[in-house]
Amino acid sequence: MDKTTTLPQRARMTVSGPPSEGRGRCVVGFDGSSAGVTALDWAVTWAARNHRDVHLVGVVDDDAGAMSGTSASDSDHARAQLLSETVALLTEQHPGIAVTTRLIAGPVAASLAAAARPDDLVVIGSDKTGYAHGRLFGARSVQLAALVSGPLTVVPAADLRFRAGVLVAIDGTPESSRLARVGAEEAVARQCALGLVHAIAVDATSERRQLGEAVLREAFEAARAVAPGLEISRHLANRRPAEAMLNLARDRALLVMGRSRRVATAGVGGTLHEVLINANVPVMVLP
């Protein structure tokens, strides 16, 4: 197995403020790929900012090992060594953050979902197609989104160093105000601007446009209540929701959206599916 990809060199980050005892962890699915390293770097930064512990989870997919000719014991050893080396790097680069690990054998998405508690934030990397390097995550982010009960962040394998701003997708459901508040909190923590987007059909009637403006106005007030001085913009987009989100988010640091409850069947809604498969920005999905 290849050596662990070197983590990005960053300024040392020490944690101050209240300890993370009694709060959810930042659970990171890690496989050593470039997408996994990008996700881990994002997760450590978020965990330090929010005073959370980091829990690294390695998954040994027995089926994948069999197909590659690797025995289960060899896969276990390699993954355990990967986690151990990564913890050593994190301890050196980010003193003050508590890091724990867990090695699991089984289906990737289901194993990661089972490793998380309801108040944990699960973070995984995505290569968008799911085929790069034959690694674990990628398109499986969609599977995980359907399984986790708590919040999930999917981080694409992209250069995120010069990104700024938080975008929140507002769908007009009763949860829209909560999404706006979470987005405002993230924007305040990052010291950046907040954007709110709500999509309507190209041929929407004037009544539907007025309703869309009202939805954005309510979300704006919810966000402003969190941070009165926060710079907030509103976007009423005449296009499909996924297109509107991805277009506006292409230079942002974070996209916040809700997990659809409009479908009773297992899985995720079409909009969330399309966004995760084509993610060009870290996507935080809230239950």
C-alpha atoms as a PDB file:
ATOM      1  CA  MET A   1       0.000   0.000   0.000  1.00  0.00           C
ATOM      2  CA  ASP A   2       1.210   3.522  -0.761  1.00  0.00           C
ATOM      3  CA  LYS A   3       2.306   5.734   2.077  1.00  0.00           C
ATOM      4  CA  THR A   4      -0.142   8.194   3.561  1.00  0.00           C
ATOM      5  CA  THR A   5      -0.484  11.329   1.479  1.00  0.00           C
ATOM      6  CA  THR A   6       1.288  14.192   3.233  1.00  0.00           C
ATOM      7  CA  LEU A   7      -1.117  16.519   4.982  1.00  0.00           C
ATOM      8  CA  PRO A   8      -1.030  20.205   3.954  1.00  0.00           C
ATOM      9  CA  GLN A   9       1.422  22.281   5.952  1.00  0.00           C
ATOM     10  CA  ARG A  10      -0.516  24.867   7.957  1.00  0.00           C
ATOM     11  CA  ALA A  11       0.189  27.163  10.849  1.00  0.00           C
ATOM     12  CA  ARG A  12      -0.052  25.400  14.189  1.00  0.00           C
ATOM     13  CA  MET A  13      -3.564  25.608  15.560  1.00  0.00           C
ATOM     14  CA  THR A  14      -4.165  25.416  19.292  1.00  0.00           C
ATOM     15  CA  VAL A  15      -7.624  25.011  20.749  1.00  0.00           C
ATOM     16  CA  SER A  16      -8.925  27.501  23.274  1.00  0.00           C
ATOM     17  CA  GLY A  17     -12.304  27.876  24.905  1.00  0.00           C
ATOM     18  CA  PRO A  18     -14.584  25.182  26.290  1.00  0.00           C
ATOM     19  CA  PRO A  19     -13.621  21.510  25.872  1.00  0.00           C
ATOM     20  CA  SER A  20     -15.600  19.269  23.530  1.00  0.00           C
ATOM     21  CA  GLU A  21     -16.897  17.002  26.300  1.00  0.00           C
ATOM     22  CA  GLY A  22     -20.621  16.439  25.792  1.00  0.00           C
ATOM     23  CA  ARG A  23     -20.540  17.832  22.251  1.00  0.00           C
ATOM     24  CA  GLY A  24     -20.611  16.017  18.980  1.00  0.00           C
ATOM     25  CA  ARG A  25     -17.373  14.961  17.337  1.00  0.00           C
ATOM     26  CA  CYS A  26     -16.081  15.573  13.840  1.00  0.00           C
ATOM     27  CA  VAL A  27     -16.060  12.058  12.351  1.00  0.00           C
ATOM     28  CA  VAL A  28     -13.820  11.799   9.288  1.00  0.00           C
ATOM     29  CA  GLY A  29     -13.880   8.908   6.864  1.00  0.00           C
ATOM     30  CA  PHE A  30     -10.233   8.628   5.819  1.00  0.00           C
ATOM     31  CA  ASP A  31      -8.592   6.444   3.160  1.00  0.00           C
ATOM     32  CA  GLY A  32      -5.370   8.351   2.414  1.00  0.00           C
ATOM     33  CA  SER A  33      -6.472   9.512  -1.047  1.00  0.00           C
ATOM     34  CA  SER A  34      -6.124  13.125  -2.182  1.00  0.00           C
ATOM     35  CA  ALA A  35      -9.861  13.595  -1.628  1.00  0.00           C
ATOM     36  CA  GLY A  36      -9.519  12.142   1.861  1.00  0.00           C
ATOM     37  CA  VAL A  37      -6.609  14.437   2.705  1.00  0.00           C
ATOM     38  CA  THR A  38      -8.537  17.512   1.535  1.00  0.00           C
ATOM     39  CA  ALA A  39     -11.530  16.427   3.645  1.00  0.00           C
ATOM     40  CA  LEU A  40      -9.325  15.819   6.681  1.00  0.00           C
ATOM     41  CA  ASP A  41      -7.726  19.249   6.385  1.00  0.00           C
ATOM     42  CA  TRP A  42     -11.203  20.824   6.177  1.00  0.00           C
ATOM     43  CA  ALA A  43     -12.430  18.769   9.131  1.00  0.00           C
ATOM     44  CA  VAL A  44      -9.493  19.639  11.392  1.00  0.00           C
ATOM     45  CA  THR A  45      -9.941  23.348  10.687  1.00  0.00           C
ATOM     46  CA  TRP A  46     -13.679  23.115  11.431  1.00  0.00           C
ATOM     47  CA  ALA A  47     -13.107  21.042  14.565  1.00  0.00           C
ATOM     48  CA  ALA A  48     -10.583  23.525  15.953  1.00  0.00           C
ATOM     49  CA  ARG A  49     -12.905  26.437  15.224  1.00  0.00           C
ATOM     50  CA  ASN A  50     -15.827  24.709  16.940  1.00  0.00           C
ATOM     51  CA  HIS A  51     -13.886  23.049  19.784  1.00  0.00           C
ATOM     52  CA  ARG A  52     -14.684  19.508  18.688  1.00  0.00           C
ATOM     53  CA  ASP A  53     -12.741  16.264  18.908  1.00  0.00           C
ATOM     54  CA  VAL A  54     -11.720  14.524  15.676  1.00  0.00           C
ATOM     55  CA  HIS A  55     -12.580  10.844  15.192  1.00  0.00           C
ATOM     56  CA  LEU A  56     -10.801   9.194  12.249  1.00  0.00           C
ATOM     57  CA  VAL A  57     -12.562   6.179  10.787  1.00  0.00           C
ATOM     58  CA  GLY A  58     -10.882   3.756   8.413  1.00  0.00           C
ATOM     59  CA  VAL A  59     -13.053   1.232   6.606  1.00  0.00           C
ATOM     60  CA  VAL A  60     -11.711  -2.031   5.223  1.00  0.00           C
ATOM     61  CA  ASP A  61     -14.054  -3.027   2.429  1.00  0.00           C
ATOM     62  CA  ASP A  62     -13.666  -6.816   2.228  1.00  0.00           C
ATOM     63  CA  ASP A  63     -15.179  -6.958  -1.254  1.00  0.00           C
ATOM     64  CA  ALA A  64     -12.783  -4.310  -2.574  1.00  0.00           C
ATOM     65  CA  GLY A  65      -9.854  -6.158  -1.025  1.00  0.00           C
ATOM     66  CA  ALA A  66     -10.866  -9.437  -2.615  1.00  0.00           C
ATOM     67  CA  MET A  67     -11.149  -7.821  -6.042  1.00  0.00           C
ATOM     68  CA  SER A  68      -7.658  -6.305  -5.744  1.00  0.00           C
ATOM     69  CA  GLY A  69      -6.110  -9.541  -4.505  1.00  0.00           C
ATOM     70  CA  THR A  70      -5.385  -8.135  -1.047  1.00  0.00           C
ATOM     71  CA  SER A  71      -6.123 -10.353   1.941  1.00  0.00           C
ATOM     72  CA  ALA A  72      -8.330  -9.111   4.757  1.00  0.00           C
ATOM     73  CA  SER A  73      -5.453  -9.219   7.251  1.00  0.00           C
ATOM     74  CA  ASP A  74      -3.186  -7.212   4.925  1.00  0.00           C
ATOM     75  CA  SER A  75      -5.938  -4.630   4.413  1.00  0.00           C
ATOM     76  CA  ASP A  76      -6.487  -4.370   8.167  1.00  0.00           C
ATOM     77  CA  HIS A  77      -2.778  -3.854   8.802  1.00  0.00           C
ATOM     78  CA  ALA A  78      -2.356  -1.275   6.054  1.00  0.00           C
ATOM     79  CA  ARG A  79      -5.391   0.732   7.127  1.00  0.00           C
ATOM     80  CA  ALA A  80      -4.373   0.624  10.792  1.00  0.00           C
ATOM     81  CA  GLN A  81      -0.884   1.866   9.891  1.00  0.00           C
ATOM     82  CA  LEU A  82      -2.418   4.643   7.799  1.00  0.00           C
ATOM     83  CA  LEU A  83      -4.561   5.811  10.721  1.00  0.00           C
ATOM     84  CA  SER A  84      -1.615   5.652  13.123  1.00  0.00           C
ATOM     85  CA  GLU A  85       0.635   7.723  10.855  1.00  0.00           C
ATOM     86  CA  THR A  86      -2.125  10.259  10.279  1.00  0.00           C
ATOM     87  CA  VAL A  87      -2.776  10.695  13.992  1.00  0.00           C
ATOM     88  CA  ALA A  88       0.943  11.327  14.517  1.00  0.00           C
ATOM     89  CA  LEU A  89       0.897  14.061  11.865  1.00  0.00           C
ATOM     90  CA  LEU A  90      -2.231  15.669  13.296  1.00  0.00           C
ATOM     91  CA  THR A  91      -0.803  15.646  16.797  1.00  0.00           C
ATOM     92  CA  GLU A  92       2.331  17.392  15.547  1.00  0.00           C
ATOM     93  CA  GLN A  93       0.614  19.956  13.304  1.00  0.00           C
ATOM     94  CA  HIS A  94      -2.452  20.700  15.444  1.00  0.00           C
ATOM     95  CA  PRO A  95      -1.607  20.409  19.151  1.00  0.00           C
ATOM     96  CA  GLY A  96      -4.628  20.679  21.406  1.00  0.00           C
ATOM     97  CA  ILE A  97      -7.062  18.738  19.224  1.00  0.00           C
ATOM     98  CA  ALA A  98      -8.023  15.349  20.639  1.00  0.00           C
ATOM     99  CA  VAL A  99      -7.884  12.669  17.939  1.00  0.00           C
ATOM    100  CA  THR A 100      -9.257   9.131  18.204  1.00  0.00           C
ATOM    101  CA  THR A 101      -9.429   6.379  15.590  1.00  0.00           C
ATOM    102  CA  ARG A 102     -11.546   3.387  14.705  1.00  0.00           C
ATOM    103  CA  LEU A 103     -11.005   0.648  12.141  1.00  0.00           C
ATOM    104  CA  ILE A 104     -14.100  -1.042  10.730  1.00  0.00           C
ATOM    105  CA  ALA A 105     -14.600  -3.859   8.241  1.00  0.00           C
ATOM    106  CA  GLY A 106     -17.689  -3.829   6.057  1.00  0.00           C
ATOM    107  CA  PRO A 107     -19.564  -1.757   3.469  1.00  0.00           C
ATOM    108  CA  VAL A 108     -18.131   1.750   3.417  1.00  0.00           C
ATOM    109  CA  ALA A 109     -21.215   3.981   3.631  1.00  0.00           C
ATOM    110  CA  ALA A 110     -23.049   1.806   6.131  1.00  0.00           C
ATOM    111  CA  SER A 111     -19.939   1.427   8.310  1.00  0.00           C
ATOM    112  CA  LEU A 112     -19.300   5.175   8.450  1.00  0.00           C
ATOM    113  CA  ALA A 113     -22.938   5.891   9.250  1.00  0.00           C
ATOM    114  CA  ALA A 114     -22.860   3.327  12.054  1.00  0.00           C
ATOM    115  CA  ALA A 115     -19.699   4.881  13.506  1.00  0.00           C
ATOM    116  CA  ALA A 116     -21.348   8.284  13.936  1.00  0.00           C
ATOM    117  CA  ARG A 117     -23.562   9.500  16.759  1.00  0.00           C
ATOM    118  CA  PRO A 118     -26.603  11.687  16.014  1.00  0.00           C
ATOM    119  CA  ASP A 119     -24.808  14.885  17.092  1.00  0.00           C
ATOM    120  CA  ASP A 120     -21.577  14.141  15.197  1.00  0.00           C
ATOM    121  CA  LEU A 121     -20.626  15.932  11.992  1.00  0.00           C
ATOM    122  CA  VAL A 122     -19.523  13.317   9.453  1.00  0.00           C
ATOM    123  CA  VAL A 123     -16.946  14.545   6.924  1.00  0.00           C
ATOM    124  CA  ILE A 124     -15.816  12.688   3.794  1.00  0.00           C
ATOM    125  CA  GLY A 125     -13.924  13.526   0.651  1.00  0.00           C
ATOM    126  CA  SER A 126     -15.348  13.218  -2.825  1.00  0.00           C
ATOM    127  CA  ASP A 127     -13.615  12.796  -6.157  1.00  0.00           C
ATOM    128  CA  LYS A 128     -16.978  13.577  -7.858  1.00  0.00           C
ATOM    129  CA  THR A 129     -16.990  10.425 -10.008  1.00  0.00           C
ATOM    130  CA  GLY A 130     -16.222   7.813  -7.384  1.00  0.00           C
ATOM    131  CA  TYR A 131     -13.609   6.124  -9.602  1.00  0.00           C
ATOM    132  CA  ALA A 132     -10.400   8.108  -9.017  1.00  0.00           C
ATOM    133  CA  HIS A 133      -7.646   5.838  -7.627  1.00  0.00           C
ATOM    134  CA  GLY A 134     -10.276   3.146  -6.969  1.00  0.00           C
ATOM    135  CA  ARG A 135     -10.654   4.572  -3.462  1.00  0.00           C
ATOM    136  CA  LEU A 136     -13.489   4.455  -1.003  1.00  0.00           C
ATOM    137  CA  PHE A 137     -15.620   7.544  -1.170  1.00  0.00           C
ATOM    138  CA  GLY A 138     -16.511   9.735  -4.171  1.00  0.00           C
ATOM    139  CA  ALA A 139     -20.036   8.915  -5.325  1.00  0.00           C
ATOM    140  CA  ARG A 140     -20.604   6.986  -2.106  1.00  0.00           C
ATOM    141  CA  SER A 141     -21.268  10.363  -0.510  1.00  0.00           C
ATOM    142  CA  VAL A 142     -24.778  10.005  -1.904  1.00  0.00           C
ATOM    143  CA  GLN A 143     -25.177   6.650  -0.178  1.00  0.00           C
ATOM    144  CA  LEU A 144     -23.896   8.128   3.080  1.00  0.00           C
ATOM    145  CA  ALA A 145     -26.275  11.094   2.821  1.00  0.00           C
ATOM    146  CA  ALA A 146     -29.142   8.619   2.776  1.00  0.00           C
ATOM    147  CA  LEU A 147     -27.865   6.753   5.835  1.00  0.00           C
ATOM    148  CA  VAL A 148     -26.516   9.241   8.385  1.00  0.00           C
ATOM    149  CA  SER A 149     -29.004  10.663  10.872  1.00  0.00           C
ATOM    150  CA  GLY A 150     -26.977  13.775  11.676  1.00  0.00           C
ATOM    151  CA  PRO A 151     -25.164  16.441   9.666  1.00  0.00           C
ATOM    152  CA  LEU A 152     -22.793  15.512   6.836  1.00  0.00           C
ATOM    153  CA  THR A 153     -20.159  17.505   4.965  1.00  0.00           C
ATOM    154  CA  VAL A 154     -18.833  16.331   1.604  1.00  0.00           C
ATOM    155  CA  VAL A 155     -15.554  17.975   0.585  1.00  0.00           C
ATOM    156  CA  PRO A 156     -14.475  17.815  -3.083  1.00  0.00           C
ATOM    157  CA  ALA A 157     -10.867  17.179  -4.066  1.00  0.00           C
ATOM    158  CA  ALA A 158     -10.251  20.787  -5.108  1.00  0.00           C
ATOM    159  CA  ASP A 159      -8.047  23.709  -4.139  1.00  0.00           C
ATOM    160  CA  LEU A 160     -10.079  25.501  -1.464  1.00  0.00           C
ATOM    161  CA  ARG A 161      -7.395  27.936  -0.262  1.00  0.00           C
ATOM    162  CA  PHE A 162      -8.798  31.039  -1.935  1.00  0.00           C
ATOM    163  CA  ARG A 163     -12.484  30.375  -1.370  1.00  0.00           C
ATOM    164  CA  ALA A 164     -14.560  32.829   0.659  1.00  0.00           C
ATOM    165  CA  GLY A 165     -18.212  33.113   1.612  1.00  0.00           C
ATOM    166  CA  VAL A 166     -20.987  30.810   2.775  1.00  0.00           C
ATOM    167  CA  LEU A 167     -24.030  30.046   0.602  1.00  0.00           C
ATOM    168  CA  VAL A 168     -27.275  28.647   2.016  1.00  0.00           C
ATOM    169  CA  ALA A 169     -29.887  26.967  -0.186  1.00  0.00           C
ATOM    170  CA  ILE A 170     -33.364  28.036   0.942  1.00  0.00           C
ATOM    171  CA  ASP A 171     -36.193  25.761  -0.213  1.00  0.00           C
ATOM    172  CA  GLY A 172     -39.138  27.436   1.490  1.00  0.00           C
ATOM    173  CA  THR A 173     -39.824  24.649   3.984  1.00  0.00           C
ATOM    174  CA  PRO A 174     -40.233  25.405   7.715  1.00  0.00           C
ATOM    175  CA  GLU A 175     -36.570  24.407   8.149  1.00  0.00           C
ATOM    176  CA  SER A 176     -35.340  27.272   5.959  1.00  0.00           C
ATOM    177  CA  SER A 177     -34.861  29.653   8.869  1.00  0.00           C
ATOM    178  CA  ARG A 178     -32.780  27.074  10.731  1.00  0.00           C
ATOM    179  CA  LEU A 179     -30.575  26.593   7.674  1.00  0.00           C
ATOM    180  CA  ALA A 180     -30.129  30.354   7.437  1.00  0.00           C
ATOM    181  CA  ARG A 181     -29.094  30.539  11.082  1.00  0.00           C
ATOM    182  CA  VAL A 182     -26.540  27.740  10.688  1.00  0.00           C
ATOM    183  CA  GLY A 183     -25.154  29.461   7.605  1.00  0.00           C
ATOM    184  CA  ALA A 184     -24.881  32.735   9.501  1.00  0.00           C
ATOM    185  CA  GLU A 185     -22.985  31.024  12.322  1.00  0.00           C
ATOM    186  CA  GLU A 186     -20.569  29.486   9.817  1.00  0.00           C
ATOM    187  CA  ALA A 187     -20.067  32.849   8.104  1.00  0.00           C
ATOM    188  CA  VAL A 188     -19.386  34.597  11.406  1.00  0.00           C
ATOM    189  CA  ALA A 189     -16.863  31.919  12.388  1.00  0.00           C
ATOM    190  CA  ARG A 190     -15.108  32.333   9.025  1.00  0.00           C
ATOM    191  CA  GLN A 191     -15.418  36.140   9.048  1.00  0.00           C
ATOM    192  CA  CYS A 192     -16.965  36.170   5.593  1.00  0.00           C
ATOM    193  CA  ALA A 193     -20.174  37.140   3.810  1.00  0.00           C
ATOM    194  CA  LEU A 194     -23.350  35.040   3.651  1.00  0.00           C
ATOM    195  CA  GLY A 195     -25.443  34.386   0.564  1.00  0.00           C
ATOM    196  CA  LEU A 196     -29.005  33.013   0.445  1.00  0.00           C
ATOM    197  CA  VAL A 197     -30.337  31.389  -2.721  1.00  0.00           C
ATOM    198  CA  HIS A 198     -33.841  30.250  -3.584  1.00  0.00           C
ATOM    199  CA  ALA A 199     -34.633  28.761  -7.003  1.00  0.00           C
ATOM    200  CA  ILE A 200     -37.866  29.104  -8.939  1.00  0.00           C
ATOM    201  CA  ALA A 201     -38.874  27.964 -12.414  1.00  0.00           C
ATOM    202  CA  VAL A 202     -37.914  30.034 -15.435  1.00  0.00           C
ATOM    203  CA  ASP A 203     -41.601  30.476 -16.287  1.00  0.00           C
ATOM    204  CA  ALA A 204     -42.657  31.205 -12.695  1.00  0.00           C
ATOM    205  CA  THR A 205     -45.710  33.414 -12.280  1.00  0.00           C
ATOM    206  CA  SER A 206     -45.539  36.789 -10.574  1.00  0.00           C
ATOM    207  CA  GLU A 207     -47.251  35.230  -7.537  1.00  0.00           C
ATOM    208  CA  ARG A 208     -44.572  32.543  -7.352  1.00  0.00           C
ATOM    209  CA  ARG A 209     -41.845  35.171  -7.652  1.00  0.00           C
ATOM    210  CA  GLN A 210     -43.402  37.160  -4.815  1.00  0.00           C
ATOM    211  CA  LEU A 211     -43.545  34.001  -2.703  1.00  0.00           C
ATOM    212  CA  GLY A 212     -39.878  33.377  -3.462  1.00  0.00           C
ATOM    213  CA  GLU A 213     -38.964  36.882  -2.368  1.00  0.00           C
ATOM    214  CA  ALA A 214     -40.909  36.356   0.857  1.00  0.00           C
ATOM    215  CA  VAL A 215     -39.065  33.079   1.510  1.00  0.00           C
ATOM    216  CA  LEU A 216     -35.719  34.834   1.096  1.00  0.00           C
ATOM    217  CA  ARG A 217     -36.808  37.742   3.252  1.00  0.00           C
ATOM    218  CA  GLU A 218     -37.771  35.427   6.118  1.00  0.00           C
ATOM    219  CA  ALA A 219     -34.443  33.585   5.853  1.00  0.00           C
ATOM    220  CA  PHE A 220     -32.619  36.935   5.736  1.00  0.00           C
ATOM    221  CA  GLU A 221     -34.250  38.031   8.987  1.00  0.00           C
ATOM    222  CA  ALA A 222     -33.340  34.717  10.642  1.00  0.00           C
ATOM    223  CA  ALA A 223     -29.697  35.101   9.617  1.00  0.00           C
ATOM    224  CA  ARG A 224     -29.544  38.750  10.622  1.00  0.00           C
ATOM    225  CA  ALA A 225     -30.858  37.846  14.087  1.00  0.00           C
ATOM    226  CA  VAL A 226     -27.741  35.684  14.547  1.00  0.00           C
ATOM    227  CA  ALA A 227     -25.333  38.401  13.418  1.00  0.00           C
ATOM    228  CA  PRO A 228     -26.808  41.896  12.870  1.00  0.00           C
ATOM    229  CA  GLY A 229     -23.623  43.182  11.244  1.00  0.00           C
ATOM    230  CA  LEU A 230     -23.155  40.263   8.845  1.00  0.00           C
ATOM    231  CA  GLU A 231     -23.038  41.025   5.121  1.00  0.00           C
ATOM    232  CA  ILE A 232     -25.956  39.065   3.597  1.00  0.00           C
ATOM    233  CA  SER A 233     -27.011  38.841  -0.042  1.00  0.00           C
ATOM    234  CA  ARG A 234     -30.175  37.308  -1.498  1.00  0.00           C
ATOM    235  CA  HIS A 235     -30.483  35.525  -4.835  1.00  0.00           C
ATOM    236  CA  LEU A 236     -33.774  34.527  -6.468  1.00  0.00           C
ATOM    237  CA  ALA A 237     -32.627  32.238  -9.279  1.00  0.00           C
ATOM    238  CA  ASN A 238     -34.686  31.316 -12.340  1.00  0.00           C
ATOM    239  CA  ARG A 239     -33.218  27.858 -12.886  1.00  0.00           C
ATOM    240  CA  ARG A 240     -33.203  24.347 -11.472  1.00  0.00           C
ATOM    241  CA  PRO A 241     -32.201  24.317  -7.770  1.00  0.00           C
ATOM    242  CA  ALA A 242     -29.039  22.223  -8.212  1.00  0.00           C
ATOM    243  CA  GLU A 243     -27.824  24.426 -11.074  1.00  0.00           C
ATOM    244  CA  ALA A 244     -28.481  27.562  -9.042  1.00  0.00           C
ATOM    245  CA  MET A 245     -26.553  26.250  -6.029  1.00  0.00           C
ATOM    246  CA  LEU A 246     -23.546  24.962  -7.954  1.00  0.00           C
ATOM    247  CA  ASN A 247     -23.313  28.117 -10.071  1.00  0.00           C
ATOM    248  CA  LEU A 248     -23.334  30.495  -7.100  1.00  0.00           C
ATOM    249  CA  ALA A 249     -21.146  28.231  -4.947  1.00  0.00           C
ATOM    250  CA  ARG A 250     -18.274  27.787  -7.392  1.00  0.00           C
ATOM    251  CA  ASP A 251     -16.071  30.343  -5.589  1.00  0.00           C
ATOM    252  CA  ARG A 252     -17.543  29.934  -2.065  1.00  0.00           C
ATOM    253  CA  ALA A 253     -16.008  28.189   0.928  1.00  0.00           C
ATOM    254  CA  LEU A 254     -19.180  26.333   1.954  1.00  0.00           C
ATOM    255  CA  LEU A 255     -22.656  25.436   0.726  1.00  0.00           C
ATOM    256  CA  VAL A 256     -25.290  24.649   3.368  1.00  0.00           C
ATOM    257  CA  MET A 257     -28.435  22.772   2.372  1.00  0.00           C
ATOM    258  CA  GLY A 258     -31.067  20.538   3.922  1.00  0.00           C
ATOM    259  CA  ARG A 259     -31.719  16.861   3.373  1.00  0.00           C
ATOM    260  CA  SER A 260     -34.940  16.513   1.429  1.00  0.00           C
ATOM    261  CA  ARG A 261     -37.962  15.218   3.321  1.00  0.00           C
ATOM    262  CA  ARG A 262     -40.282  15.461   0.341  1.00  0.00           C
ATOM    263  CA  VAL A 263     -39.691  11.864  -0.670  1.00  0.00           C
ATOM    264  CA  ALA A 264     -40.927   8.981   1.448  1.00  0.00           C
ATOM    265  CA  THR A 265     -38.735   6.360  -0.216  1.00  0.00           C
ATOM    266  CA  ALA A 266     -35.207   5.493   0.837  1.00  0.00           C
ATOM    267  CA  GLY A 267     -32.374   7.564  -0.582  1.00  0.00           C
ATOM    268  CA  VAL A 268     -32.007  11.287  -1.181  1.00  0.00           C
ATOM    269  CA  GLY A 269     -33.891  13.790  -3.280  1.00  0.00           C
ATOM    270  CA  GLY A 270     -32.886  14.559  -6.846  1.00  0.00           C
ATOM    271  CA  THR A 271     -31.473  17.994  -6.007  1.00  0.00           C
ATOM    272  CA  LEU A 272     -29.192  16.729  -3.237  1.00  0.00           C
ATOM    273  CA  HIS A 273     -28.081  13.815  -5.414  1.00  0.00           C
ATOM    274  CA  GLU A 274     -27.122  16.151  -8.272  1.00  0.00           C
ATOM    275  CA  VAL A 275     -25.292  18.571  -5.974  1.00  0.00           C
ATOM    276  CA  LEU A 276     -23.235  15.851  -4.272  1.00  0.00           C
ATOM    277  CA  ILE A 277     -22.245  14.139  -7.511  1.00  0.00           C
ATOM    278  CA  ASN A 278     -21.124  17.459  -9.032  1.00  0.00           C
ATOM    279  CA  ALA A 279     -19.908  19.177  -5.865  1.00  0.00           C
ATOM    280  CA  ASN A 280     -17.529  22.069  -6.580  1.00  0.00           C
ATOM    281  CA  VAL A 281     -17.639  23.302  -2.973  1.00  0.00           C
ATOM    282  CA  PRO A 282     -17.751  21.691   0.479  1.00  0.00           C
ATOM    283  CA  VAL A 283     -21.420  20.811   1.005  1.00  0.00           C
ATOM    284  CA  MET A 284     -22.855  20.694   4.526  1.00  0.00           C
ATOM    285  CA  VAL A 285     -26.085  18.682   4.542  1.00  0.00           C
ATOM    286  CA  LEU A 286     -28.301  19.166   7.597  1.00  0.00           C
ATOM    287  CA  PRO A 287     -31.068  16.778   8.700  1.00  0.00           C
END
